């Protein structure tokens, strides 16, 4: 874990202490739980970033199969079989 220091307004600090005491948690644990909840709720990349990411990798890989675009299901099945 990384140790860090934060500053809170007095009202937030008092509320944090009260909730931590009520829930039998440390203030640090309560902050970690709240931060984890916030991180999980954060939206992923937007449509523009997804397109940019897709374009960045388009054409970078080749299967070596001449029928890859027409028989892609078989190519994928073969690729998974090779990994097993």
PDB file of N, CA and C in Angstrom:
ATOM      1  N   UNK A   1       0.831  -1.179   0.000  1.00  0.00           N
ATOM      2  CA  UNK A   1       0.000   0.000   0.000  1.00  0.00           C
ATOM      3  C   UNK A   1       0.870   1.235   0.000  1.00  0.00           C
ATOM      4  N   UNK A   2       0.330   2.284  -0.533  1.00  0.00           N
ATOM      5  CA  UNK A   2       1.027   3.561  -0.566  1.00  0.00           C
ATOM      6  C   UNK A   2       0.417   4.466   0.499  1.00  0.00           C
ATOM      7  N   UNK A   3       1.268   5.049   1.277  1.00  0.00           N
ATOM      8  CA  UNK A   3       0.793   5.967   2.310  1.00  0.00           C
ATOM      9  C   UNK A   3       0.635   7.347   1.697  1.00  0.00           C
ATOM     10  N   UNK A   4      -0.477   8.007   1.992  1.00  0.00           N
ATOM     11  CA  UNK A   4      -0.719   9.338   1.463  1.00  0.00           C
ATOM     12  C   UNK A   4      -1.385  10.197   2.520  1.00  0.00           C
ATOM     13  N   UNK A   5      -1.394  11.470   2.296  1.00  0.00           N
ATOM     14  CA  UNK A   5      -2.000  12.399   3.239  1.00  0.00           C
ATOM     15  C   UNK A   5      -2.985  13.267   2.474  1.00  0.00           C
ATOM     16  N   UNK A   6      -4.159  13.497   3.053  1.00  0.00           N
ATOM     17  CA  UNK A   6      -5.157  14.351   2.417  1.00  0.00           C
ATOM     18  C   UNK A   6      -5.627  15.391   3.419  1.00  0.00           C
ATOM     19  N   UNK A   7      -6.185  16.461   2.903  1.00  0.00           N
ATOM     20  CA  UNK A   7      -6.770  17.486   3.752  1.00  0.00           C
ATOM     21  C   UNK A   7      -8.253  17.540   3.462  1.00  0.00           C
ATOM     22  N   UNK A   8      -9.049  17.576   4.514  1.00  0.00           N
ATOM     23  CA  UNK A   8     -10.496  17.625   4.382  1.00  0.00           C
ATOM     24  C   UNK A   8     -11.022  18.855   5.099  1.00  0.00           C
ATOM     25  N   UNK A   9     -12.107  19.409   4.587  1.00  0.00           N
ATOM     26  CA  UNK A   9     -12.769  20.453   5.368  1.00  0.00           C
ATOM     27  C   UNK A   9     -13.245  19.859   6.694  1.00  0.00           C
ATOM     28  N   UNK A  10     -13.343  20.682   7.707  1.00  0.00           N
ATOM     29  CA  UNK A  10     -13.720  20.211   9.044  1.00  0.00           C
ATOM     30  C   UNK A  10     -15.006  19.387   9.032  1.00  0.00           C
ATOM     31  N   UNK A  11     -16.017  19.855   8.307  1.00  0.00           N
ATOM     32  CA  UNK A  11     -17.301  19.151   8.277  1.00  0.00           C
ATOM     33  C   UNK A  11     -17.146  17.749   7.676  1.00  0.00           C
ATOM     34  N   UNK A  12     -16.346  17.610   6.623  1.00  0.00           N
ATOM     35  CA  UNK A  12     -16.129  16.301   6.016  1.00  0.00           C
ATOM     36  C   UNK A  12     -15.362  15.394   6.963  1.00  0.00           C
ATOM     37  N   UNK A  13     -14.369  15.928   7.640  1.00  0.00           N
ATOM     38  CA  UNK A  13     -13.576  15.129   8.577  1.00  0.00           C
ATOM     39  C   UNK A  13     -14.452  14.610   9.707  1.00  0.00           C
ATOM     40  N   UNK A  14     -15.316  15.454  10.236  1.00  0.00           N
ATOM     41  CA  UNK A  14     -16.209  15.022  11.317  1.00  0.00           C
ATOM     42  C   UNK A  14     -17.204  13.969  10.830  1.00  0.00           C
ATOM     43  N   UNK A  15     -17.743  14.181   9.636  1.00  0.00           N
ATOM     44  CA  UNK A  15     -18.681  13.200   9.076  1.00  0.00           C
ATOM     45  C   UNK A  15     -17.977  11.869   8.833  1.00  0.00           C
ATOM     46  N   UNK A  16     -16.759  11.921   8.333  1.00  0.00           N
ATOM     47  CA  UNK A  16     -15.979  10.707   8.092  1.00  0.00           C
ATOM     48  C   UNK A  16     -15.733   9.956   9.391  1.00  0.00           C
ATOM     49  N   UNK A  17     -15.336  10.665  10.430  1.00  0.00           N
ATOM     50  CA  UNK A  17     -15.110  10.035  11.736  1.00  0.00           C
ATOM     51  C   UNK A  17     -16.386   9.376  12.261  1.00  0.00           C
ATOM     52  N   UNK A  18     -17.492  10.061  12.119  1.00  0.00           N
ATOM     53  CA  UNK A  18     -18.763   9.531  12.616  1.00  0.00           C
ATOM     54  C   UNK A  18     -19.171   8.264  11.859  1.00  0.00           C
ATOM     55  N   UNK A  19     -19.060   8.281  10.544  1.00  0.00           N
ATOM     56  CA  UNK A  19     -19.424   7.106   9.741  1.00  0.00           C
ATOM     57  C   UNK A  19     -18.478   5.948  10.044  1.00  0.00           C
ATOM     58  N   UNK A  20     -17.187   6.245  10.159  1.00  0.00           N
ATOM     59  CA  UNK A  20     -16.206   5.196  10.462  1.00  0.00           C
ATOM     60  C   UNK A  20     -16.507   4.551  11.810  1.00  0.00           C
ATOM     61  N   UNK A  21     -16.826   5.354  12.798  1.00  0.00           N
ATOM     62  CA  UNK A  21     -17.144   4.812  14.125  1.00  0.00           C
ATOM     63  C   UNK A  21     -18.424   3.987  14.074  1.00  0.00           C
ATOM     64  N   UNK A  22     -19.425   4.504  13.380  1.00  0.00           N
ATOM     65  CA  UNK A  22     -20.703   3.795  13.286  1.00  0.00           C
ATOM     66  C   UNK A  22     -20.534   2.432  12.619  1.00  0.00           C
ATOM     67  N   UNK A  23     -19.711   2.379  11.542  1.00  0.00           N
ATOM     68  CA  UNK A  23     -19.535   1.153  10.759  1.00  0.00           C
ATOM     69  C   UNK A  23     -18.362   0.293  11.238  1.00  0.00           C
ATOM     70  N   UNK A  24     -17.710   0.716  12.324  1.00  0.00           N
ATOM     71  CA  UNK A  24     -16.566  -0.012  12.888  1.00  0.00           C
ATOM     72  C   UNK A  24     -15.464  -0.211  11.842  1.00  0.00           C
ATOM     73  N   UNK A  25     -15.170   0.865  11.129  1.00  0.00           N
ATOM     74  CA  UNK A  25     -14.096   0.869  10.138  1.00  0.00           C
ATOM     75  C   UNK A  25     -13.124   1.987  10.477  1.00  0.00           C
ATOM     76  N   UNK A  26     -11.905   1.842   9.985  1.00  0.00           N
ATOM     77  CA  UNK A  26     -10.982   2.967  10.106  1.00  0.00           C
ATOM     78  C   UNK A  26     -11.366   4.020   9.066  1.00  0.00           C
ATOM     79  N   UNK A  27     -10.936   5.229   9.320  1.00  0.00           N
ATOM     80  CA  UNK A  27     -11.204   6.281   8.337  1.00  0.00           C
ATOM     81  C   UNK A  27     -10.533   5.936   7.009  1.00  0.00           C
ATOM     82  N   UNK A  28      -9.333   5.370   7.076  1.00  0.00           N
ATOM     83  CA  UNK A  28      -8.614   5.007   5.857  1.00  0.00           C
ATOM     84  C   UNK A  28      -9.377   3.957   5.064  1.00  0.00           C
ATOM     85  N   UNK A  29      -9.923   2.949   5.754  1.00  0.00           N
ATOM     86  CA  UNK A  29     -10.681   1.912   5.057  1.00  0.00           C
ATOM     87  C   UNK A  29     -11.939   2.485   4.428  1.00  0.00           C
ATOM     88  N   UNK A  30     -12.594   3.368   5.137  1.00  0.00           N
ATOM     89  CA  UNK A  30     -13.792   4.003   4.597  1.00  0.00           C
ATOM     90  C   UNK A  30     -13.466   4.802   3.339  1.00  0.00           C
ATOM     91  N   UNK A  31     -12.354   5.495   3.338  1.00  0.00           N
ATOM     92  CA  UNK A  31     -11.927   6.247   2.151  1.00  0.00           C
ATOM     93  C   UNK A  31     -11.599   5.293   1.010  1.00  0.00           C
ATOM     94  N   UNK A  32     -10.903   4.174   1.313  1.00  0.00           N
ATOM     95  CA  UNK A  32     -10.576   3.213   0.254  1.00  0.00           C
ATOM     96  C   UNK A  32     -11.840   2.633  -0.367  1.00  0.00           C
ATOM     97  N   UNK A  33     -12.825   2.290   0.457  1.00  0.00           N
ATOM     98  CA  UNK A  33     -14.084   1.731  -0.048  1.00  0.00           C
ATOM     99  C   UNK A  33     -14.797   2.747  -0.941  1.00  0.00           C
ATOM    100  N   UNK A  34     -14.857   3.999  -0.487  1.00  0.00           N
ATOM    101  CA  UNK A  34     -15.522   5.036  -1.277  1.00  0.00           C
ATOM    102  C   UNK A  34     -14.793   5.277  -2.598  1.00  0.00           C
ATOM    103  N   UNK A  35     -13.474   5.279  -2.564  1.00  0.00           N
ATOM    104  CA  UNK A  35     -12.702   5.483  -3.783  1.00  0.00           C
ATOM    105  C   UNK A  35     -12.890   4.326  -4.753  1.00  0.00           C
ATOM    106  N   UNK A  36     -12.877   3.103  -4.240  1.00  0.00           N
ATOM    107  CA  UNK A  36     -13.081   1.933  -5.110  1.00  0.00           C
ATOM    108  C   UNK A  36     -14.454   1.998  -5.779  1.00  0.00           C
ATOM    109  N   UNK A  37     -15.464   2.383  -5.022  1.00  0.00           N
ATOM    110  CA  UNK A  37     -16.815   2.519  -5.574  1.00  0.00           C
ATOM    111  C   UNK A  37     -16.826   3.580  -6.687  1.00  0.00           C
ATOM    112  N   UNK A  38     -16.151   4.676  -6.468  1.00  0.00           N
ATOM    113  CA  UNK A  38     -16.084   5.745  -7.463  1.00  0.00           C
ATOM    114  C   UNK A  38     -15.346   5.280  -8.713  1.00  0.00           C
ATOM    115  N   UNK A  39     -14.253   4.560  -8.539  1.00  0.00           N
ATOM    116  CA  UNK A  39     -13.477   4.079  -9.683  1.00  0.00           C
ATOM    117  C   UNK A  39     -14.276   3.087 -10.517  1.00  0.00           C
ATOM    118  N   UNK A  40     -15.045   2.232  -9.867  1.00  0.00           N
ATOM    119  CA  UNK A  40     -15.867   1.265 -10.605  1.00  0.00           C
ATOM    120  C   UNK A  40     -16.991   1.943 -11.369  1.00  0.00           C
ATOM    121  N   UNK A  41     -17.489   3.049 -10.840  1.00  0.00           N
ATOM    122  CA  UNK A  41     -18.591   3.765 -11.489  1.00  0.00           C
ATOM    123  C   UNK A  41     -18.105   4.695 -12.598  1.00  0.00           C
ATOM    124  N   UNK A  42     -16.807   4.946 -12.647  1.00  0.00           N
ATOM    125  CA  UNK A  42     -16.260   5.866 -13.650  1.00  0.00           C
ATOM    126  C   UNK A  42     -16.499   5.295 -15.048  1.00  0.00           C
ATOM    127  N   UNK A  43     -16.934   6.137 -15.963  1.00  0.00           N
ATOM    128  CA  UNK A  43     -17.178   5.646 -17.318  1.00  0.00           C
ATOM    129  C   UNK A  43     -15.879   5.245 -18.009  1.00  0.00           C
ATOM    130  N   UNK A  44     -16.005   4.310 -18.923  1.00  0.00           N
ATOM    131  CA  UNK A  44     -14.853   3.889 -19.718  1.00  0.00           C
ATOM    132  C   UNK A  44     -14.575   4.912 -20.806  1.00  0.00           C
ATOM    133  N   UNK A  45     -13.779   4.544 -21.761  1.00  0.00           N
ATOM    134  CA  UNK A  45     -13.460   5.483 -22.830  1.00  0.00           C
ATOM    135  C   UNK A  45     -14.708   5.833 -23.633  1.00  0.00           C
ATOM    136  N   UNK A  46     -14.762   7.061 -24.092  1.00  0.00           N
ATOM    137  CA  UNK A  46     -15.889   7.520 -24.894  1.00  0.00           C
ATOM    138  C   UNK A  46     -15.808   6.989 -26.313  1.00  0.00           C
ATOM    139  N   UNK A  47     -16.832   7.252 -27.106  1.00  0.00           N
ATOM    140  CA  UNK A  47     -16.871   6.748 -28.489  1.00  0.00           C
ATOM    141  C   UNK A  47     -15.663   7.186 -29.323  1.00  0.00           C
ATOM    142  N   UNK A  48     -15.261   8.426 -29.190  1.00  0.00           N
ATOM    143  CA  UNK A  48     -14.115   8.910 -29.979  1.00  0.00           C
ATOM    144  C   UNK A  48     -12.845   8.144 -29.617  1.00  0.00           C
ATOM    145  N   UNK A  49     -12.600   7.952 -28.321  1.00  0.00           N
ATOM    146  CA  UNK A  49     -11.396   7.226 -27.910  1.00  0.00           C
ATOM    147  C   UNK A  49     -11.449   5.772 -28.356  1.00  0.00           C
ATOM    148  N   UNK A  50     -12.628   5.138 -28.303  1.00  0.00           N
ATOM    149  CA  UNK A  50     -12.740   3.753 -28.767  1.00  0.00           C
ATOM    150  C   UNK A  50     -12.409   3.650 -30.251  1.00  0.00           C
ATOM    151  N   UNK A  51     -12.886   4.601 -31.052  1.00  0.00           N
ATOM    152  CA  UNK A  51     -12.589   4.599 -32.487  1.00  0.00           C
ATOM    153  C   UNK A  51     -11.096   4.794 -32.699  1.00  0.00           C
ATOM    154  N   UNK A  52     -10.503   5.741 -31.970  1.00  0.00           N
ATOM    155  CA  UNK A  52      -9.064   5.983 -32.114  1.00  0.00           C
ATOM    156  C   UNK A  52      -8.246   4.746 -31.742  1.00  0.00           C
ATOM    157  N   UNK A  53      -8.661   4.053 -30.692  1.00  0.00           N
ATOM    158  CA  UNK A  53      -7.954   2.825 -30.295  1.00  0.00           C
ATOM    159  C   UNK A  53      -8.086   1.751 -31.365  1.00  0.00           C
ATOM    160  N   UNK A  54      -9.283   1.602 -31.913  1.00  0.00           N
ATOM    161  CA  UNK A  54      -9.500   0.593 -32.956  1.00  0.00           C
ATOM    162  C   UNK A  54      -8.669   0.909 -34.188  1.00  0.00           C
ATOM    163  N   UNK A  55      -8.647   2.168 -34.587  1.00  0.00           N
ATOM    164  CA  UNK A  55      -7.870   2.552 -35.769  1.00  0.00           C
ATOM    165  C   UNK A  55      -6.368   2.364 -35.544  1.00  0.00           C
ATOM    166  N   UNK A  56      -5.933   2.536 -34.304  1.00  0.00           N
ATOM    167  CA  UNK A  56      -4.511   2.386 -33.994  1.00  0.00           C
ATOM    168  C   UNK A  56      -4.037   0.951 -34.174  1.00  0.00           C
ATOM    169  N   UNK A  57      -4.914  -0.033 -34.001  1.00  0.00           N
ATOM    170  CA  UNK A  57      -4.493  -1.427 -34.129  1.00  0.00           C
ATOM    171  C   UNK A  57      -4.953  -2.069 -35.437  1.00  0.00           C
ATOM    172  N   UNK A  58      -5.803  -1.392 -36.180  1.00  0.00           N
ATOM    173  CA  UNK A  58      -6.314  -1.961 -37.435  1.00  0.00           C
ATOM    174  C   UNK A  58      -5.160  -2.248 -38.389  1.00  0.00           C
ATOM    175  N   UNK A  59      -5.152  -3.450 -38.921  1.00  0.00           N
ATOM    176  CA  UNK A  59      -4.139  -3.831 -39.902  1.00  0.00           C
ATOM    177  C   UNK A  59      -2.803  -4.236 -39.313  1.00  0.00           C
ATOM    178  N   UNK A  60      -2.673  -4.257 -38.013  1.00  0.00           N
ATOM    179  CA  UNK A  60      -1.384  -4.595 -37.397  1.00  0.00           C
ATOM    180  C   UNK A  60      -1.163  -6.091 -37.247  1.00  0.00           C
ATOM    181  N   UNK A  61      -2.201  -6.872 -37.440  1.00  0.00           N
ATOM    182  CA  UNK A  61      -2.089  -8.305 -37.224  1.00  0.00           C
ATOM    183  C   UNK A  61      -2.504  -9.048 -38.488  1.00  0.00           C
ATOM    184  N   UNK A  62      -1.907 -10.197 -38.694  1.00  0.00           N
ATOM    185  CA  UNK A  62      -2.239 -11.008 -39.865  1.00  0.00           C
ATOM    186  C   UNK A  62      -2.302 -12.467 -39.447  1.00  0.00           C
ATOM    187  N   UNK A  63      -3.287 -13.160 -39.951  1.00  0.00           N
ATOM    188  CA  UNK A  63      -3.443 -14.572 -39.610  1.00  0.00           C
ATOM    189  C   UNK A  63      -2.595 -15.463 -40.506  1.00  0.00           C
ATOM    190  N   UNK A  64      -2.245 -14.953 -41.670  1.00  0.00           N
ATOM    191  CA  UNK A  64      -1.517 -15.777 -42.622  1.00  0.00           C
ATOM    192  C   UNK A  64      -2.439 -16.642 -43.456  1.00  0.00           C
ATOM    193  N   UNK A  65      -3.733 -16.500 -43.255  1.00  0.00           N
ATOM    194  CA  UNK A  65      -4.723 -17.286 -44.002  1.00  0.00           C
ATOM    195  C   UNK A  65      -5.329 -16.414 -45.093  1.00  0.00           C
ATOM    196  N   UNK A  66      -5.376 -16.909 -46.304  1.00  0.00           N
ATOM    197  CA  UNK A  66      -5.963 -16.108 -47.380  1.00  0.00           C
ATOM    198  C   UNK A  66      -7.492 -15.994 -47.267  1.00  0.00           C
ATOM    199  N   UNK A  67      -8.129 -16.867 -46.478  1.00  0.00           N
ATOM    200  CA  UNK A  67      -9.586 -16.849 -46.365  1.00  0.00           C
ATOM    201  C   UNK A  67     -10.042 -16.230 -45.039  1.00  0.00           C
ATOM    202  N   UNK A  68      -9.175 -15.496 -44.368  1.00  0.00           N
ATOM    203  CA  UNK A  68      -9.479 -14.952 -43.047  1.00  0.00           C
ATOM    204  C   UNK A  68     -10.692 -14.047 -43.011  1.00  0.00           C
ATOM    205  N   UNK A  69     -10.912 -13.273 -44.053  1.00  0.00           N
ATOM    206  CA  UNK A  69     -12.057 -12.358 -44.028  1.00  0.00           C
ATOM    207  C   UNK A  69     -13.357 -13.049 -44.401  1.00  0.00           C
ATOM    208  N   UNK A  70     -13.290 -14.152 -45.127  1.00  0.00           N
ATOM    209  CA  UNK A  70     -14.516 -14.842 -45.531  1.00  0.00           C
ATOM    210  C   UNK A  70     -14.855 -16.014 -44.623  1.00  0.00           C
ATOM    211  N   UNK A  71     -13.841 -16.599 -44.001  1.00  0.00           N
ATOM    212  CA  UNK A  71     -14.072 -17.761 -43.142  1.00  0.00           C
ATOM    213  C   UNK A  71     -13.480 -17.489 -41.756  1.00  0.00           C
ATOM    214  N   UNK A  72     -13.835 -16.331 -41.197  1.00  0.00           N
ATOM    215  CA  UNK A  72     -13.231 -15.904 -39.942  1.00  0.00           C
ATOM    216  C   UNK A  72     -13.579 -16.801 -38.762  1.00  0.00           C
ATOM    217  N   UNK A  73     -14.764 -17.436 -38.764  1.00  0.00           N
ATOM    218  CA  UNK A  73     -15.119 -18.326 -37.654  1.00  0.00           C
ATOM    219  C   UNK A  73     -14.178 -19.523 -37.598  1.00  0.00           C
ATOM    220  N   UNK A  74     -13.852 -20.083 -38.747  1.00  0.00           N
ATOM    221  CA  UNK A  74     -12.927 -21.218 -38.777  1.00  0.00           C
ATOM    222  C   UNK A  74     -11.524 -20.775 -38.361  1.00  0.00           C
ATOM    223  N   UNK A  75     -11.125 -19.583 -38.792  1.00  0.00           N
ATOM    224  CA  UNK A  75      -9.810 -19.072 -38.411  1.00  0.00           C
ATOM    225  C   UNK A  75      -9.726 -18.876 -36.901  1.00  0.00           C
ATOM    226  N   UNK A  76     -10.790 -18.353 -36.300  1.00  0.00           N
ATOM    227  CA  UNK A  76     -10.809 -18.163 -34.856  1.00  0.00           C
ATOM    228  C   UNK A  76     -10.798 -19.500 -34.120  1.00  0.00           C
ATOM    229  N   UNK A  77     -11.577 -20.451 -34.594  1.00  0.00           N
ATOM    230  CA  UNK A  77     -11.601 -21.784 -33.980  1.00  0.00           C
ATOM    231  C   UNK A  77     -10.221 -22.425 -34.050  1.00  0.00           C
ATOM    232  N   UNK A  78      -9.551 -22.292 -35.185  1.00  0.00           N
ATOM    233  CA  UNK A  78      -8.200 -22.840 -35.329  1.00  0.00           C
ATOM    234  C   UNK A  78      -7.229 -22.170 -34.355  1.00  0.00           C
ATOM    235  N   UNK A  79      -7.348 -20.847 -34.206  1.00  0.00           N
ATOM    236  CA  UNK A  79      -6.457 -20.117 -33.313  1.00  0.00           C
ATOM    237  C   UNK A  79      -6.661 -20.580 -31.871  1.00  0.00           C
ATOM    238  N   UNK A  80      -7.909 -20.773 -31.460  1.00  0.00           N
ATOM    239  CA  UNK A  80      -8.167 -21.257 -30.107  1.00  0.00           C
ATOM    240  C   UNK A  80      -7.673 -22.682 -29.936  1.00  0.00           C
ATOM    241  N   UNK A  81      -7.812 -23.505 -30.956  1.00  0.00           N
ATOM    242  CA  UNK A  81      -7.340 -24.889 -30.871  1.00  0.00           C
ATOM    243  C   UNK A  81      -5.826 -24.947 -30.716  1.00  0.00           C
ATOM    244  N   UNK A  82      -5.124 -24.007 -31.362  1.00  0.00           N
ATOM    245  CA  UNK A  82      -3.661 -23.978 -31.271  1.00  0.00           C
ATOM    246  C   UNK A  82      -3.201 -23.618 -29.859  1.00  0.00           C
ATOM    247  N   UNK A  83      -3.987 -22.815 -29.145  1.00  0.00           N
ATOM    248  CA  UNK A  83      -3.624 -22.402 -27.782  1.00  0.00           C
ATOM    249  C   UNK A  83      -3.904 -23.492 -26.754  1.00  0.00           C
ATOM    250  N   UNK A  84      -4.812 -24.404 -27.076  1.00  0.00           N
ATOM    251  CA  UNK A  84      -5.204 -25.421 -26.089  1.00  0.00           C
ATOM    252  C   UNK A  84      -4.162 -26.494 -25.928  1.00  0.00           C
TER     253      UNK A  84
END
